Amino acid sequence: MSSFYEIIELINGDVALARADDENNEPLVTIRFSQESLAFLGEEKFNVAKAMIEAGMEAAGDIADQQAESVLEDLADELIDAEKLMLH
């Protein structure tokens, strides 16, 4: 199942990533900028938040790839061990 995500601004001014199809629209990630940061960024806070979210999603994808690779390696090792036990 594929989900669509949206970057939203919460009532308190935080920027959040949420599933577009989630009825509760509970944020997956929330970014809060300090007042000093907001004074510097202004409306560009959304571009900065988008870049932060994209970097986080890329890192999460890398972690998922590493975990999948580890599982495949473990399965391959188990198969090799099982083959060693087989009588030919």
N, C-alpha and C. Protein backbone atom coordinates (compact mmCIF):
# COMPACT_ATOMS: atom_id res chain seq x y z
N MET A 1 0.84 -1.17 0.00
CA MET A 1 0.00 0.00 0.00
C MET A 1 0.89 1.24 0.00
N SER A 2 0.63 2.13 -0.91
CA SER A 2 1.41 3.35 -1.03
C SER A 2 0.65 4.51 -0.39
N SER A 3 1.37 5.33 0.32
CA SER A 3 0.75 6.49 0.95
C SER A 3 1.28 7.76 0.32
N PHE A 4 0.44 8.77 0.34
CA PHE A 4 0.86 10.09 -0.07
C PHE A 4 1.09 10.90 1.19
N TYR A 5 2.11 11.72 1.16
CA TYR A 5 2.47 12.53 2.32
C TYR A 5 2.33 14.00 1.96
N GLU A 6 2.09 14.79 2.99
CA GLU A 6 2.01 16.23 2.77
C GLU A 6 2.72 16.95 3.90
N ILE A 7 3.29 18.08 3.54
CA ILE A 7 3.92 18.94 4.54
C ILE A 7 2.88 19.98 4.92
N ILE A 8 2.60 20.06 6.22
CA ILE A 8 1.55 20.95 6.71
C ILE A 8 2.11 21.88 7.78
N GLU A 9 1.40 22.95 7.99
CA GLU A 9 1.74 23.84 9.11
C GLU A 9 0.70 23.62 10.20
N LEU A 10 1.16 23.31 11.38
CA LEU A 10 0.26 23.09 12.51
C LEU A 10 -0.21 24.42 13.08
N ILE A 11 -1.23 24.37 13.89
CA ILE A 11 -1.80 25.57 14.50
C ILE A 11 -0.75 26.37 15.25
N ASN A 12 0.20 25.67 15.91
CA ASN A 12 1.22 26.36 16.70
C ASN A 12 2.39 26.88 15.84
N GLY A 13 2.31 26.68 14.51
CA GLY A 13 3.35 27.19 13.62
C GLY A 13 4.42 26.17 13.26
N ASP A 14 4.41 25.01 13.92
CA ASP A 14 5.37 23.95 13.57
C ASP A 14 5.06 23.43 12.18
N VAL A 15 6.08 22.90 11.53
CA VAL A 15 5.92 22.28 10.22
C VAL A 15 5.94 20.77 10.45
N ALA A 16 5.05 20.05 9.77
CA ALA A 16 4.94 18.61 10.02
C ALA A 16 4.76 17.84 8.71
N LEU A 17 5.16 16.57 8.75
CA LEU A 17 4.92 15.64 7.67
C LEU A 17 3.81 14.70 8.14
N ALA A 18 2.76 14.58 7.33
CA ALA A 18 1.62 13.73 7.69
C ALA A 18 1.17 12.95 6.47
N ARG A 19 0.52 11.83 6.71
CA ARG A 19 -0.09 11.08 5.62
C ARG A 19 -1.32 11.85 5.14
N ALA A 20 -1.42 12.03 3.84
CA ALA A 20 -2.54 12.78 3.29
C ALA A 20 -3.85 12.04 3.48
N ASP A 21 -3.80 10.70 3.51
CA ASP A 21 -5.02 9.91 3.62
C ASP A 21 -5.37 9.51 5.05
N ASP A 22 -4.66 10.07 6.03
CA ASP A 22 -4.92 9.75 7.44
C ASP A 22 -6.01 10.67 7.97
N GLU A 23 -7.12 10.06 8.41
CA GLU A 23 -8.23 10.86 8.91
C GLU A 23 -7.83 11.69 10.12
N ASN A 24 -7.00 11.13 11.00
CA ASN A 24 -6.56 11.87 12.19
C ASN A 24 -5.50 12.88 11.83
N ASN A 25 -4.83 12.63 10.67
CA ASN A 25 -3.77 13.51 10.19
C ASN A 25 -2.69 13.74 11.24
N GLU A 26 -2.42 12.67 12.02
CA GLU A 26 -1.37 12.74 13.04
C GLU A 26 -0.02 12.83 12.36
N PRO A 27 0.79 13.83 12.69
CA PRO A 27 2.09 13.99 12.03
C PRO A 27 3.04 12.82 12.30
N LEU A 28 3.78 12.46 11.27
CA LEU A 28 4.83 11.47 11.40
C LEU A 28 6.09 12.13 11.94
N VAL A 29 6.31 13.36 11.53
CA VAL A 29 7.49 14.14 11.93
C VAL A 29 7.03 15.58 12.14
N THR A 30 7.55 16.20 13.18
CA THR A 30 7.26 17.61 13.44
C THR A 30 8.57 18.36 13.58
N ILE A 31 8.63 19.51 12.93
CA ILE A 31 9.83 20.35 13.00
C ILE A 31 9.44 21.67 13.64
N ARG A 32 10.16 22.02 14.69
CA ARG A 32 9.90 23.28 15.38
C ARG A 32 11.16 24.15 15.27
N PHE A 33 10.98 25.32 14.71
CA PHE A 33 12.08 26.26 14.59
C PHE A 33 12.03 27.25 15.76
N SER A 34 13.20 27.64 16.23
CA SER A 34 13.26 28.65 17.29
C SER A 34 12.83 30.00 16.72
N GLN A 35 12.52 30.93 17.60
CA GLN A 35 12.14 32.27 17.16
C GLN A 35 13.28 32.93 16.37
N GLU A 36 14.51 32.70 16.81
CA GLU A 36 15.66 33.24 16.11
C GLU A 36 15.74 32.68 14.69
N SER A 37 15.52 31.37 14.56
CA SER A 37 15.54 30.74 13.24
C SER A 37 14.43 31.28 12.36
N LEU A 38 13.24 31.43 12.94
CA LEU A 38 12.10 31.94 12.17
C LEU A 38 12.34 33.36 11.68
N ALA A 39 12.99 34.18 12.53
CA ALA A 39 13.30 35.55 12.13
C ALA A 39 14.25 35.56 10.93
N PHE A 40 15.17 34.61 10.91
CA PHE A 40 16.12 34.52 9.81
C PHE A 40 15.48 33.93 8.56
N LEU A 41 14.70 32.85 8.73
CA LEU A 41 14.16 32.11 7.58
C LEU A 41 12.91 32.73 6.97
N GLY A 42 12.06 33.31 7.80
CA GLY A 42 10.80 33.84 7.30
C GLY A 42 9.97 32.74 6.65
N GLU A 43 9.41 33.01 5.49
CA GLU A 43 8.58 32.04 4.79
C GLU A 43 9.41 30.91 4.17
N GLU A 44 10.71 31.05 4.16
CA GLU A 44 11.58 29.98 3.64
C GLU A 44 11.65 28.79 4.58
N LYS A 45 11.01 28.91 5.74
CA LYS A 45 11.02 27.80 6.69
C LYS A 45 10.46 26.54 6.05
N PHE A 46 9.53 26.68 5.12
CA PHE A 46 8.94 25.51 4.47
C PHE A 46 9.96 24.82 3.56
N ASN A 47 10.77 25.61 2.86
CA ASN A 47 11.80 25.02 2.01
C ASN A 47 12.86 24.30 2.85
N VAL A 48 13.22 24.89 3.97
CA VAL A 48 14.19 24.26 4.87
C VAL A 48 13.59 22.98 5.47
N ALA A 49 12.35 23.06 5.91
CA ALA A 49 11.69 21.89 6.48
C ALA A 49 11.58 20.78 5.43
N LYS A 50 11.25 21.14 4.19
CA LYS A 50 11.15 20.14 3.12
C LYS A 50 12.50 19.45 2.91
N ALA A 51 13.58 20.22 2.89
CA ALA A 51 14.92 19.63 2.72
C ALA A 51 15.26 18.71 3.89
N MET A 52 14.88 19.11 5.10
CA MET A 52 15.13 18.28 6.28
C MET A 52 14.34 16.97 6.19
N ILE A 53 13.09 17.06 5.77
CA ILE A 53 12.24 15.88 5.66
C ILE A 53 12.77 14.95 4.57
N GLU A 54 13.16 15.52 3.43
CA GLU A 54 13.71 14.70 2.34
C GLU A 54 14.97 13.97 2.78
N ALA A 55 15.83 14.66 3.51
CA ALA A 55 17.06 14.02 4.00
C ALA A 55 16.72 12.90 4.99
N GLY A 56 15.75 13.13 5.84
CA GLY A 56 15.33 12.11 6.79
C GLY A 56 14.73 10.89 6.11
N MET A 57 13.92 11.12 5.07
CA MET A 57 13.32 10.00 4.34
C MET A 57 14.39 9.21 3.58
N GLU A 58 15.38 9.90 3.05
CA GLU A 58 16.47 9.21 2.37
C GLU A 58 17.26 8.35 3.36
N ALA A 59 17.54 8.90 4.54
CA ALA A 59 18.26 8.14 5.57
C ALA A 59 17.43 6.94 6.01
N ALA A 60 16.13 7.11 6.18
CA ALA A 60 15.26 6.00 6.57
C ALA A 60 15.25 4.92 5.48
N GLY A 61 15.26 5.34 4.22
CA GLY A 61 15.32 4.38 3.12
C GLY A 61 16.61 3.60 3.12
N ASP A 62 17.71 4.28 3.41
CA ASP A 62 19.01 3.61 3.50
C ASP A 62 19.01 2.58 4.63
N ILE A 63 18.43 2.94 5.76
CA ILE A 63 18.35 2.01 6.89
C ILE A 63 17.52 0.79 6.51
N ALA A 64 16.38 1.02 5.84
CA ALA A 64 15.53 -0.11 5.42
C ALA A 64 16.29 -1.01 4.45
N ASP A 65 17.05 -0.42 3.53
CA ASP A 65 17.84 -1.22 2.58
C ASP A 65 18.88 -2.06 3.32
N GLN A 66 19.55 -1.46 4.30
CA GLN A 66 20.56 -2.18 5.07
C GLN A 66 19.94 -3.34 5.85
N GLN A 67 18.77 -3.10 6.43
CA GLN A 67 18.10 -4.15 7.18
C GLN A 67 17.67 -5.29 6.26
N ALA A 68 17.15 -4.95 5.08
CA ALA A 68 16.73 -5.98 4.13
C ALA A 68 17.94 -6.79 3.66
N GLU A 69 19.05 -6.11 3.41
CA GLU A 69 20.27 -6.80 2.99
C GLU A 69 20.75 -7.75 4.08
N SER A 70 20.68 -7.31 5.32
CA SER A 70 21.09 -8.15 6.44
C SER A 70 20.22 -9.39 6.55
N VAL A 71 18.92 -9.23 6.37
CA VAL A 71 18.00 -10.37 6.42
C VAL A 71 18.33 -11.35 5.30
N LEU A 72 18.57 -10.84 4.10
CA LEU A 72 18.92 -11.71 2.97
C LEU A 72 20.23 -12.45 3.21
N GLU A 73 21.20 -11.78 3.79
CA GLU A 73 22.47 -12.43 4.11
C GLU A 73 22.27 -13.54 5.14
N ASP A 74 21.43 -13.27 6.14
CA ASP A 74 21.15 -14.29 7.16
C ASP A 74 20.46 -15.50 6.54
N LEU A 75 19.51 -15.25 5.64
CA LEU A 75 18.82 -16.35 4.97
C LEU A 75 19.78 -17.15 4.09
N ALA A 76 20.68 -16.47 3.41
CA ALA A 76 21.66 -17.16 2.57
C ALA A 76 22.58 -18.03 3.44
N ASP A 77 23.00 -17.50 4.58
CA ASP A 77 23.85 -18.27 5.49
C ASP A 77 23.11 -19.51 6.00
N GLU A 78 21.82 -19.35 6.33
CA GLU A 78 21.03 -20.49 6.80
C GLU A 78 20.89 -21.54 5.70
N LEU A 79 20.72 -21.10 4.46
CA LEU A 79 20.60 -22.03 3.34
C LEU A 79 21.90 -22.80 3.14
N ILE A 80 23.01 -22.09 3.23
CA ILE A 80 24.32 -22.74 3.09
C ILE A 80 24.51 -23.78 4.19
N ASP A 81 24.14 -23.41 5.43
CA ASP A 81 24.26 -24.34 6.55
C ASP A 81 23.35 -25.57 6.34
N ALA A 82 22.16 -25.35 5.82
CA ALA A 82 21.23 -26.46 5.59
C ALA A 82 21.76 -27.37 4.50
N GLU A 83 22.38 -26.80 3.47
CA GLU A 83 22.94 -27.61 2.40
C GLU A 83 24.09 -28.48 2.90
N LYS A 84 24.83 -27.96 3.87
CA LYS A 84 25.94 -28.72 4.43
C LYS A 84 25.44 -29.97 5.16
N LEU A 85 24.23 -29.89 5.70
CA LEU A 85 23.67 -31.00 6.46
C LEU A 85 23.02 -32.06 5.57
N MET A 86 22.76 -31.71 4.31
CA MET A 86 22.10 -32.64 3.40
C MET A 86 23.02 -33.77 3.00
N LEU A 87 22.44 -34.94 2.90
CA LEU A 87 23.19 -36.10 2.39
C LEU A 87 22.98 -36.17 0.89
N HIS A 88 24.04 -36.37 0.17
CA HIS A 88 23.93 -36.44 -1.30
C HIS A 88 24.09 -37.84 -1.76
